[in-house]
Amino acid sequence: MYVGKTLFTQVMDFLPWKTFHRIVARYGGDYRVRTLTCAEQLRCMAFAQLTYRESLRDIEACLSAQAAKLYHMGFRQPVNRSTLADANESRDWRIYAEFAQRLIVQAKALYAGDALGVELSNTVYALDATTIDLCLSVFPWAHFRSTKAAIRLHTLLDLRGSIPSFIHISDGKLHEVNVLDLLIPEAGAFYVMDRGYTDFDRLYALHQAGAFFVIRAKSNLDARRLYSAPTERDTGVICDQTIALNGFYSGQGYPEHLRRIRFKDETGKRLTFLTNHFRLPALTICALYRQRWQVELFFKWIKQHLRIKCFFGTSENAVKTQIWIAVSVYLLVAIIKKRLHLDASLHTLLQILSVTVFEKITLAQALTPQTLDQEPGISGNQMNLFDS
């Protein structure tokens, strides 16, 4: 029988702790801290994410029930909810944001060779945002509307492996198109966006940086056709055109030519795409935009399976700390899946970990599905009572 580390400790061992301690030292996170260090805070919040805890009292009760195992899980003493609340309020959220960025680098390297669904060697990103509704009286700093508060997660998702490469947390008032100013474009990469990101000045900045974009055009696009390439309409591609913008401000914002593709999907809906890439087949451009749906699935997944809708603190620092640690847990499970060569989905891995974190079995044994040819407890030589 395995009598070594608990599953929670084995999961935490996949984190680059030396890097984390350097980040903590850079921000002075443990300065004059006596009870709950930043490492213990990270472990405690990661435990809450892995086991679907709903409140600070919930976290305290569950950890207290396993007091004999806390030391071997990385806790020097029992965790009090007031101490954890103070840590979430006062520790700089940038510690966990920077640490998540280091995990992003690891995860992207592991998933770089995954299939994209489109025959393309370039890196492909999907950019979108999701809104998390909050109570205005409890979160007055998260301005959204006169009677409503909200925060918005702006995410740049690497479509190979669904790894978030960039996340910006803002209040609900920040329009998604402004996030293009925060991105550092990657030359040769594709950025797939919905029409809410239509801003020709910002799109031209991507073009000048050597990046490519695929964006759905607005219905009121003012442009003139310069050239039409031959298309096969039975594939769904209605037209493949080279265009120039007619508008005064749009023409100044994007003075070069664009490619416009009109496509009719299986339901009969007509979609119009704009791109600055002129060599790929039109169907490939349409397939790239179809892959944008992965970012919507990513938002749905993290809202369902991570604790980012019920917050343990009300301050801006506490909310951002919890979100960044949740992202770190998502990346950690993705890294474990790749390094252990597991076929199970991330949802399945989280479900298994949620009920086995205190067990002392090997991580590979816990996360690998057991296939039994016969029912447990029944010998292969035992006769079946109902044999004819």
Foldseek 3Di string as FASTA:
>chain_A
DFDDAFQLQVLVVLAPVVVLVVLCVVQVQCPVPDAAGPVNLLSLLLLCLLQVAQELVSSQVVCVVVQVRVVSNPHPHRDHSVVSQVSLVPGFLVSLLVSLLVLLVVLCVLQLPADQQFPDNAWEKEWDKDKFWDACVLQVVQDADPGTWIKMWIFIFGSRLRRTNDIDIHHNVDQNLVCLVVDDADARYEYEYEQSNDDLLSQVVNVVNNYKYKYWHDPPFAKDFDDWDDDDCVVFWPTKTKIAGDDPVNCVSHVDIWIWIWGQDPVRDITIMIMRDDPDDPVSSVVSNVSSCVVVVVVVVCVVSGPLNRFHYRYPSSNSNSVSSSSSSLSSLSSVCSVLVHPDDSVLLSVQCNPRSRPRDDPNVSRHDDDDPDDPPDDPPDDDPPDD
